[in-house]
Protein backbone atom coordinates (compact mmCIF):
# COMPACT_ATOMS: atom_id res chain seq x y z
CA MET A 1 66.61 -45.31 -5.75
CA SER A 2 64.83 -42.25 -4.33
CA GLN A 3 63.58 -39.36 -6.45
CA THR A 4 66.24 -37.04 -4.99
CA SER A 5 69.00 -39.53 -5.81
CA ASN A 6 67.78 -39.83 -9.39
CA ARG A 7 67.85 -36.05 -9.79
CA ASP A 8 71.26 -35.69 -8.19
CA ALA A 9 72.65 -38.27 -10.62
CA LEU A 10 71.78 -36.21 -13.73
CA PRO A 11 74.76 -35.14 -15.87
CA ASN A 12 76.28 -31.83 -14.76
CA PRO A 13 79.38 -31.28 -16.92
CA LEU A 14 81.62 -28.23 -16.67
CA ASP A 15 82.12 -25.93 -19.66
CA PRO A 16 85.59 -26.53 -21.19
CA GLU A 17 86.56 -22.90 -20.45
CA GLU A 18 85.95 -23.42 -16.72
CA THR A 19 88.98 -25.70 -16.46
CA MET A 20 91.39 -23.67 -18.59
CA SER A 21 94.73 -22.58 -17.13
CA ARG A 22 95.50 -18.96 -16.35
CA ASP A 23 97.72 -18.68 -19.43
CA GLU A 24 94.95 -20.05 -21.64
CA ILE A 25 92.44 -17.62 -20.16
CA GLU A 26 94.72 -14.62 -20.70
CA ALA A 27 95.37 -15.64 -24.31
CA ILE A 28 91.60 -15.72 -24.92
CA GLN A 29 91.21 -12.39 -23.13
CA LEU A 30 93.75 -10.64 -25.35
CA GLU A 31 92.19 -11.96 -28.54
CA ARG A 32 88.65 -11.11 -27.49
CA LEU A 33 89.63 -7.73 -26.04
CA LYS A 34 91.07 -6.64 -29.38
CA GLU A 35 87.85 -7.68 -31.12
CA THR A 36 85.66 -5.93 -28.54
CA LEU A 37 87.56 -2.63 -28.77
CA HIS A 38 87.27 -2.62 -32.55
CA HIS A 39 83.57 -3.55 -32.34
CA ALA A 40 82.83 -0.71 -29.93
CA TYR A 41 84.96 1.86 -31.76
CA THR A 42 83.44 1.03 -35.14
CA ASN A 43 79.78 0.74 -34.12
CA VAL A 44 79.25 3.06 -31.13
CA PRO A 45 79.83 6.76 -31.94
CA HIS A 46 80.14 7.60 -28.23
CA TYR A 47 83.13 5.27 -27.85
CA LYS A 48 84.77 6.63 -31.02
CA GLU A 49 84.41 10.20 -29.76
CA LYS A 50 85.81 9.34 -26.32
CA TYR A 51 88.77 7.42 -27.70
CA ASP A 52 89.58 10.01 -30.34
CA ALA A 53 89.46 12.74 -27.67
CA ALA A 54 91.78 10.68 -25.45
CA GLY A 55 94.16 10.00 -28.35
CA VAL A 56 93.81 6.20 -28.23
CA HIS A 57 92.77 3.66 -30.85
CA PRO A 58 91.97 -0.07 -30.63
CA GLU A 59 95.24 -0.77 -32.46
CA ASP A 60 97.09 0.57 -29.40
CA LEU A 61 96.18 -2.55 -27.45
CA LYS A 62 99.14 -4.90 -27.83
CA GLU A 63 98.96 -6.64 -24.43
CA LEU A 64 96.42 -6.87 -21.62
CA GLY A 65 98.07 -4.10 -19.59
CA ASP A 66 97.41 -1.66 -22.45
CA LEU A 67 93.73 -1.65 -21.47
CA ALA A 68 94.68 1.02 -18.90
CA LEU A 69 95.27 3.43 -21.82
CA PHE A 70 91.53 3.57 -22.55
CA PRO A 71 89.03 5.85 -20.77
CA PHE A 72 86.52 4.54 -18.25
CA THR A 73 82.82 4.10 -18.88
CA ASP A 74 80.23 4.81 -16.20
CA LYS A 75 76.49 5.26 -15.74
CA GLU A 76 76.66 8.80 -17.05
CA ASP A 77 77.80 7.51 -20.46
CA LEU A 78 74.68 5.35 -20.67
CA ARG A 79 72.46 8.19 -19.46
CA LYS A 80 73.92 10.68 -21.96
CA THR A 81 73.21 8.27 -24.80
CA TYR A 82 69.74 7.27 -23.53
CA PRO A 83 68.03 5.17 -24.65
CA PHE A 84 69.92 3.17 -27.30
CA GLY A 85 73.04 5.20 -28.12
CA MET A 86 75.44 2.63 -26.65
CA PHE A 87 74.06 -0.26 -28.71
CA ALA A 88 76.58 -1.65 -31.21
CA VAL A 89 74.19 -3.65 -33.42
CA PRO A 90 71.13 -2.68 -35.50
CA GLN A 91 67.84 -2.61 -33.61
CA HIS A 92 66.52 -5.73 -35.35
CA GLU A 93 69.39 -7.75 -33.86
CA VAL A 94 68.48 -6.74 -30.28
CA SER A 95 66.42 -9.56 -28.79
CA ARG A 96 65.78 -8.08 -25.35
CA ILE A 97 66.06 -4.77 -23.50
CA HIS A 98 66.50 -4.29 -19.75
CA ALA A 99 66.85 -1.07 -17.77
CA SER A 100 67.60 0.20 -14.28
CA SER A 101 64.90 1.76 -12.13
CA GLY A 102 66.10 5.28 -12.93
CA THR A 103 65.43 6.50 -9.38
CA THR A 104 68.47 8.80 -9.45
CA GLY A 105 68.08 10.06 -13.02
CA LYS A 106 67.48 8.60 -16.44
CA PRO A 107 67.51 4.80 -16.41
CA THR A 108 70.51 2.96 -17.81
CA VAL A 109 69.34 0.85 -20.75
CA VAL A 110 71.02 -2.38 -21.81
CA GLY A 111 70.39 -4.69 -24.75
CA TYR A 112 71.13 -8.29 -25.71
CA THR A 113 71.40 -10.20 -28.97
CA GLN A 114 70.39 -13.85 -29.12
CA GLN A 115 74.05 -14.78 -28.63
CA ASP A 116 74.31 -12.43 -25.65
CA LEU A 117 71.29 -14.11 -24.05
CA ALA A 118 72.76 -17.55 -24.69
CA ASP A 119 76.08 -16.52 -23.11
CA TRP A 120 74.27 -14.96 -20.14
CA ALA A 121 72.29 -18.16 -19.49
CA LYS A 122 75.44 -20.27 -19.78
CA LEU A 123 77.44 -18.13 -17.34
CA GLY A 124 74.55 -17.95 -14.89
CA ALA A 125 74.30 -21.74 -15.02
CA ARG A 126 78.02 -21.97 -14.22
CA CYS A 127 77.37 -19.90 -11.09
CA LEU A 128 74.44 -22.02 -9.95
CA ARG A 129 76.37 -25.24 -10.55
CA LEU A 130 79.35 -23.88 -8.62
CA SER A 131 77.03 -23.01 -5.73
CA GLY A 132 75.71 -26.55 -5.53
CA VAL A 133 72.49 -26.33 -7.56
CA LYS A 134 71.96 -29.51 -9.59
CA PRO A 135 70.08 -30.36 -12.80
CA GLY A 136 66.62 -31.67 -12.00
CA TRP A 137 66.32 -29.63 -8.79
CA LYS A 138 63.34 -27.34 -8.26
CA VAL A 139 64.54 -23.73 -8.00
CA HIS A 140 62.35 -21.06 -6.38
CA ASN A 141 63.22 -17.76 -8.10
CA ALA A 142 62.29 -14.78 -5.91
CA TYR A 143 64.29 -12.17 -7.83
CA GLY A 144 62.07 -9.51 -9.39
CA TYR A 145 61.01 -10.04 -12.99
CA GLY A 146 60.64 -7.18 -15.48
CA LEU A 147 63.17 -4.56 -16.53
CA PHE A 148 65.44 -5.52 -13.60
CA THR A 149 67.88 -8.16 -14.88
CA GLY A 150 67.70 -10.35 -11.76
CA GLY A 151 64.53 -12.33 -12.37
CA LEU A 152 64.85 -13.25 -16.03
CA GLY A 153 68.63 -13.62 -15.77
CA ALA A 154 68.42 -16.12 -12.91
CA HIS A 155 65.47 -17.86 -14.59
CA ALA A 156 67.39 -18.50 -17.82
CA ALA A 157 70.44 -19.67 -15.85
CA ALA A 158 68.45 -22.27 -13.94
CA GLU A 159 66.75 -23.53 -17.10
CA HIS A 160 70.11 -23.76 -18.90
CA LEU A 161 71.43 -25.83 -16.00
CA GLY A 162 68.51 -28.23 -16.38
CA ALA A 163 66.64 -27.23 -13.23
CA THR A 164 62.87 -26.77 -12.85
CA VAL A 165 62.13 -23.09 -12.31
CA ILE A 166 59.38 -21.76 -10.05
CA PRO A 167 59.11 -18.12 -11.31
CA MET A 168 57.65 -16.53 -8.18
CA SER A 169 59.35 -13.10 -8.54
CA GLY A 170 59.66 -10.77 -5.53
CA GLY A 171 57.05 -9.69 -3.00
CA GLN A 172 53.91 -11.46 -1.71
CA THR A 173 55.86 -12.98 1.14
CA ASP A 174 52.96 -15.10 2.43
CA LYS A 175 52.59 -16.65 -1.02
CA GLN A 176 56.35 -17.25 -1.17
CA ILE A 177 56.08 -19.25 2.05
CA SER A 178 53.10 -21.24 0.80
CA LEU A 179 54.89 -22.21 -2.42
CA ILE A 180 58.06 -23.17 -0.55
CA GLN A 181 55.95 -25.44 1.64
CA ASP A 182 53.82 -26.87 -1.17
CA PHE A 183 56.29 -27.13 -4.07
CA ALA A 184 59.27 -28.24 -1.94
CA PRO A 185 62.04 -26.46 -3.90
CA ASP A 186 65.66 -27.52 -3.42
CA ALA A 187 67.16 -24.04 -3.94
CA ILE A 188 66.09 -20.42 -3.67
CA LEU A 189 67.39 -17.40 -5.60
CA CYS A 190 66.85 -13.92 -4.13
CA THR A 191 68.55 -11.06 -2.28
CA PRO A 192 70.00 -11.93 1.14
CA THR A 193 67.77 -9.45 2.95
CA TYR A 194 64.65 -10.82 1.26
CA LEU A 195 65.53 -14.37 2.35
CA LEU A 196 65.84 -12.94 5.86
CA THR A 197 62.38 -11.38 5.43
CA ILE A 198 60.94 -14.76 4.37
CA GLY A 199 62.53 -16.47 7.36
CA ASP A 200 61.20 -13.86 9.80
CA ALA A 201 57.71 -14.18 8.32
CA MET A 202 57.83 -17.97 8.66
CA GLN A 203 58.78 -17.70 12.32
CA ARG A 204 55.91 -15.27 12.97
CA LYS A 205 53.56 -17.91 11.58
CA GLY A 206 55.00 -20.49 13.93
CA LEU A 207 56.89 -22.26 11.12
CA ASP A 208 60.48 -23.42 11.41
CA PRO A 209 62.57 -22.23 8.41
CA ARG A 210 64.97 -25.13 9.09
CA SER A 211 62.22 -27.61 8.26
CA THR A 212 61.84 -26.59 4.61
CA SER A 213 63.13 -28.59 1.64
CA LEU A 214 65.70 -25.88 0.80
CA LYS A 215 69.32 -26.96 0.61
CA VAL A 216 71.02 -24.03 -1.18
CA ALA A 217 70.41 -20.27 -1.46
CA VAL A 218 72.13 -18.29 -4.22
CA LEU A 219 71.99 -14.67 -3.11
CA GLY A 220 73.00 -11.44 -4.79
CA ALA A 221 72.06 -7.92 -5.94
CA GLU A 222 73.27 -6.29 -2.70
CA PRO A 223 76.40 -6.43 -0.53
CA TRP A 224 76.20 -8.82 2.43
CA THR A 225 78.59 -9.89 5.13
CA GLU A 226 79.92 -13.21 6.42
CA GLU A 227 77.84 -12.56 9.54
CA MET A 228 74.70 -12.37 7.38
CA ARG A 229 75.70 -15.64 5.67
CA HIS A 230 75.97 -17.32 9.07
CA GLU A 231 72.61 -15.87 10.15
CA LEU A 232 70.82 -17.22 7.07
CA GLU A 233 72.54 -20.60 7.09
CA GLU A 234 71.58 -21.12 10.72
CA MET A 235 68.04 -19.85 10.18
CA PHE A 236 67.29 -22.16 7.22
CA ASN A 237 69.85 -24.97 7.67
CA ILE A 238 71.17 -24.32 4.15
CA ASP A 239 74.34 -23.39 2.29
CA ALA A 240 74.24 -19.73 1.21
CA CYS A 241 76.46 -18.62 -1.70
CA ASP A 242 77.04 -15.30 -3.43
CA ILE A 243 76.30 -14.50 -7.08
CA TYR A 244 77.54 -11.27 -8.66
CA GLY A 245 76.45 -9.25 -11.62
CA LEU A 246 75.16 -5.88 -12.67
CA SER A 247 72.99 -5.02 -15.63
CA GLU A 248 75.51 -2.78 -17.39
CA VAL A 249 78.03 -5.63 -17.48
CA MET A 250 75.49 -8.44 -18.10
CA GLY A 251 73.30 -9.21 -15.09
CA PRO A 252 73.55 -11.99 -12.48
CA GLY A 253 76.18 -14.52 -13.52
CA VAL A 254 79.32 -12.44 -14.02
CA ALA A 255 80.82 -14.28 -11.04
CA GLY A 256 79.71 -17.02 -8.68
CA GLU A 257 80.78 -18.57 -5.41
CA SER A 258 81.70 -22.18 -4.69
CA ASN A 259 79.47 -24.10 -2.29
CA GLU A 260 82.53 -26.20 -1.48
CA ARG A 261 84.85 -23.34 -0.44
CA LYS A 262 82.73 -20.19 0.06
CA ASP A 263 85.88 -18.19 -0.53
CA GLY A 264 84.73 -15.46 -2.91
CA SER A 265 83.14 -15.45 -6.36
CA HIS A 266 85.04 -16.72 -9.40
CA ILE A 267 84.80 -14.26 -12.30
CA TRP A 268 84.21 -15.89 -15.69
CA GLU A 269 87.28 -14.36 -17.26
CA ASP A 270 86.75 -15.92 -20.66
CA HIS A 271 83.93 -13.34 -20.97
CA PHE A 272 85.02 -10.45 -18.71
CA ARG A 273 88.31 -8.74 -17.91
CA PRO A 274 88.31 -7.32 -14.36
CA GLU A 275 90.58 -4.61 -12.96
CA ILE A 276 90.91 -3.03 -9.53
CA ILE A 277 91.61 0.69 -9.47
CA ASP A 278 92.48 2.96 -6.56
CA ALA A 279 89.14 4.27 -5.24
CA PHE A 280 90.67 7.72 -4.69
CA ASP A 281 92.98 7.88 -7.71
CA SER A 282 91.39 6.16 -10.70
CA SER A 283 94.59 6.44 -12.76
CA LYS A 284 96.18 3.73 -10.59
CA VAL A 285 95.47 0.11 -11.53
CA LEU A 286 96.14 -2.02 -8.46
CA GLY A 287 97.58 -5.51 -8.24
CA ASP A 288 95.83 -8.68 -7.12
CA GLY A 289 95.14 -8.66 -3.40
CA GLU A 290 94.83 -4.86 -3.15
CA HIS A 291 91.49 -3.33 -2.20
CA GLY A 292 89.90 -0.82 -4.56
CA GLU A 293 87.08 -0.26 -7.02
CA LEU A 294 86.09 -3.06 -9.38
CA VAL A 295 86.15 -2.25 -13.12
CA PHE A 296 84.87 -4.58 -15.85
CA THR A 297 85.38 -4.89 -19.59
CA SER A 298 83.16 -7.28 -21.53
CA LEU A 299 84.91 -9.57 -24.01
CA THR A 300 82.04 -11.15 -25.93
CA LYS A 301 79.00 -8.88 -25.68
CA GLN A 302 77.56 -7.94 -29.05
CA ALA A 303 74.65 -5.55 -28.41
CA LEU A 304 76.27 -3.55 -25.61
CA PRO A 305 80.06 -3.88 -25.37
CA ILE A 306 81.17 -2.23 -22.15
CA ILE A 307 84.76 -1.00 -21.82
CA ARG A 308 86.34 -0.34 -18.40
CA TYR A 309 83.01 0.11 -16.64
CA ARG A 310 83.32 1.56 -13.14
CA THR A 311 81.08 -0.54 -10.91
CA HIS A 312 81.76 1.49 -7.73
CA ASP A 313 81.89 -1.85 -5.89
CA LEU A 314 84.84 -2.10 -3.50
CA THR A 315 86.68 -5.42 -3.36
CA ARG A 316 89.94 -7.13 -4.34
CA LEU A 317 91.02 -9.78 -6.84
CA MET A 318 92.54 -13.08 -5.72
CA PRO A 319 93.85 -16.18 -7.53
CA GLY A 320 91.24 -18.79 -8.45
CA SER A 321 90.70 -21.79 -6.17
CA VAL A 322 88.20 -24.39 -7.42
CA ARG A 323 88.47 -22.81 -10.90
CA PRO A 324 92.21 -21.94 -10.91
CA GLY A 325 92.23 -20.15 -14.26
CA HIS A 326 89.55 -17.64 -13.19
CA ARG A 327 90.37 -15.11 -10.50
CA ARG A 328 88.09 -14.62 -7.52
CA MET A 329 86.71 -11.37 -6.21
CA GLY A 330 86.54 -10.84 -2.47
CA ARG A 331 83.26 -10.07 -0.78
CA ILE A 332 82.01 -6.58 -1.68
CA THR A 333 82.82 -4.40 1.31
CA GLY A 334 80.67 -1.51 0.09
CA ARG A 335 80.11 0.85 -2.80
CA SER A 336 82.12 3.99 -3.27
CA ASP A 337 78.83 5.86 -3.91
CA ASP A 338 77.34 4.38 -0.69
CA MET A 339 80.25 5.52 1.42
CA ILE A 340 79.21 7.78 4.29
CA ILE A 341 81.74 10.43 5.29
CA LEU A 342 80.85 11.32 8.86
CA ARG A 343 82.98 14.03 10.42
CA GLY A 344 86.01 12.86 8.43
CA VAL A 345 85.44 9.12 8.99
CA ASN A 346 84.57 6.85 6.03
CA LEU A 347 82.07 4.08 6.75
CA PHE A 348 79.86 1.66 4.82
CA PRO A 349 76.53 0.00 5.69
CA SER A 350 78.21 -3.43 5.56
CA GLN A 351 80.52 -2.38 8.42
CA ILE A 352 77.50 -1.52 10.57
CA GLU A 353 75.80 -4.81 9.66
CA GLU A 354 78.89 -6.76 10.66
CA LEU A 355 78.93 -5.12 14.11
CA ILE A 356 75.17 -5.44 14.65
CA LEU A 357 75.36 -9.18 14.14
CA LYS A 358 78.04 -9.42 16.84
CA VAL A 359 75.62 -8.08 19.47
CA PRO A 360 73.16 -10.53 21.04
CA GLY A 361 69.66 -9.13 21.14
CA LEU A 362 69.91 -7.17 17.87
CA SER A 363 68.44 -8.38 14.58
CA PRO A 364 69.96 -7.77 11.10
CA HIS A 365 67.15 -5.33 10.22
CA PHE A 366 68.55 -1.80 10.38
CA GLN A 367 68.54 1.62 8.73
CA LEU A 368 71.10 4.43 8.70
CA ILE A 369 69.63 7.94 9.07
CA LEU A 370 71.85 10.88 8.12
CA SER A 371 70.81 14.33 9.35
CA ARG A 372 72.27 17.79 9.92
CA PRO A 373 70.38 19.36 12.83
CA ASP A 374 73.01 22.09 13.10
CA ARG A 375 76.22 22.46 11.10
CA MET A 376 77.50 18.97 11.89
CA ASP A 377 76.41 15.77 10.17
CA GLN A 378 74.93 13.16 12.49
CA LEU A 379 74.25 9.46 11.99
CA ALA A 380 71.55 7.49 13.74
CA VAL A 381 71.32 3.69 13.50
CA LYS A 382 67.81 2.32 13.79
CA VAL A 383 67.96 -1.40 14.51
CA GLU A 384 65.29 -3.87 15.57
CA ARG A 385 65.68 -5.93 18.71
CA ARG A 386 65.24 -9.66 18.33
CA MET A 387 61.88 -11.12 19.27
CA ASP A 388 63.29 -12.90 22.31
CA ALA A 389 65.17 -9.86 23.67
CA THR A 390 63.64 -7.96 26.61
CA ALA A 391 63.50 -4.17 26.72
CA GLU A 392 66.35 -4.18 29.25
CA GLN A 393 68.47 -6.46 27.04
CA ALA A 394 67.71 -4.24 24.01
CA GLU A 395 68.86 -1.14 25.89
CA HIS A 396 72.11 -2.85 26.85
CA ALA A 397 72.57 -4.08 23.25
CA GLY A 398 72.19 -0.53 21.92
CA LYS A 399 74.93 0.72 24.23
CA GLU A 400 77.16 -2.18 23.22
CA LEU A 401 76.65 -1.40 19.51
CA ALA A 402 77.49 2.29 20.03
CA LYS A 403 80.70 1.25 21.77
CA LEU A 404 81.66 -1.20 18.99
CA ILE A 405 81.05 1.44 16.28
CA LYS A 406 83.21 3.92 18.17
CA ILE A 407 86.02 1.37 18.62
CA HIS A 408 86.02 -0.24 15.16
CA ILE A 409 84.88 2.63 12.91
CA GLY A 410 85.98 5.61 14.96
CA SER A 411 82.76 7.60 14.91
CA SER A 412 80.05 8.33 17.45
CA CYS A 413 76.45 7.80 16.43
CA ALA A 414 73.05 7.55 18.05
CA ILE A 415 71.54 4.06 18.39
CA ASP A 416 67.77 3.64 18.37
CA VAL A 417 66.74 0.05 19.16
CA VAL A 418 63.19 -0.30 17.87
CA GLU A 419 60.50 -2.95 18.13
CA PRO A 420 60.57 -6.09 15.96
CA GLU A 421 58.81 -5.73 12.59
CA SER A 422 58.80 -1.91 12.80
CA LEU A 423 61.28 -1.23 9.97
CA GLU A 424 60.37 -1.50 6.31
CA ARG A 425 61.08 -4.91 4.80
CA SER A 426 62.88 -5.49 1.50
CA MET A 427 61.03 -7.11 -1.40
CA GLY A 428 64.11 -6.84 -3.60
CA LYS A 429 67.12 -4.56 -3.35
CA LEU A 430 67.26 -3.08 0.12
CA LYS A 431 67.58 0.62 0.90
CA ARG A 432 69.82 1.06 3.95
CA ILE A 433 70.71 4.78 3.90
CA TYR A 434 68.19 7.60 4.39
CA ASP A 435 69.86 10.98 3.85
CA LEU A 436 67.79 13.78 5.41
CA ARG A 437 70.55 16.39 5.40
CA ASN A 438 69.10 18.55 2.64
CA GLN A 439 65.46 18.28 3.62
């Protein structure tokens, strides 16, 4: 038997909660939600003040729908209580601290007890297993390590699964390529745009990304489209699956996508209660299948319980498929705080990406430049031509993209098709929007 066959034959059992029915999951949710509300109210003064001011108490929760009685939490709550005011356990019980970059203000700080870390690793492992990663595989982890939750979160998940982790972290693209060639990993974990960067760099070196040992990519930390999935799967000859998480809720592993179906990420609802609210009227909780903003409540977190946290991610909830008891979330179509309002038209970077990848001659590397040369906002799309596209083909492609944007989004914008490799590459989370209106 070959080495690969031996590794693929290692035990890979599901957690019992993964196969629970919807009724069983909702019974667990109600029990754990009551405990979480009491834990937060008793141990986090900020929650007590908010709930007292709103006239609600944990005892008011009698059924799952009563969660709508409680106020939302958002980044500002964590910033107001910086650094540790949202922690619900004594400092000596906090085993690890992570934080956001803080580029738009004070960082949001999150903490984990030993049990929180164990749960995080277990849920992350569920996601990897669902995406096709197997115990015994070598997993190349190109998420950034440090205060960002991606690197260490994905690392612990792969170890919990029983995989061999290659902790490369982000950046140093040439070294990434060397290790992929030399260590022959079976799976890679990173952002979708960074995997694209690795593939482009391989092709510049005369290497064929399809010839690597990689079979599966588990990609997250930024919205990406079905067109981007197809681009990466064709480029590397792999299966590419989504993983969802954000540090305030836990980190990568809140939800994961099935390699078998690729039909949206199953949310681990024994640990999180999701809601969808109207993006323009937050008082409205929407039903399954309706598009809106995703809101999460943690059900088991000890150090940092999070109640009705507004993620600003826009999606919808759907019934579970390969894990019927756990609902799926649709692909993130954008973030409410990334929405561009251009002369009365709402648009998201993911919409532009989707159209770019429909135009032959254009690559997925693009930037959106907002400016206000007079009193009217203007949008310019900078997009690289593909290496094999001539200048004439690139000019035609730019005109085609402008037409598609006008037809499908309803707004006119300038298209600047630039040379390959001329736009900044992502080493982690990608910045798509450059707002120059107030400069």
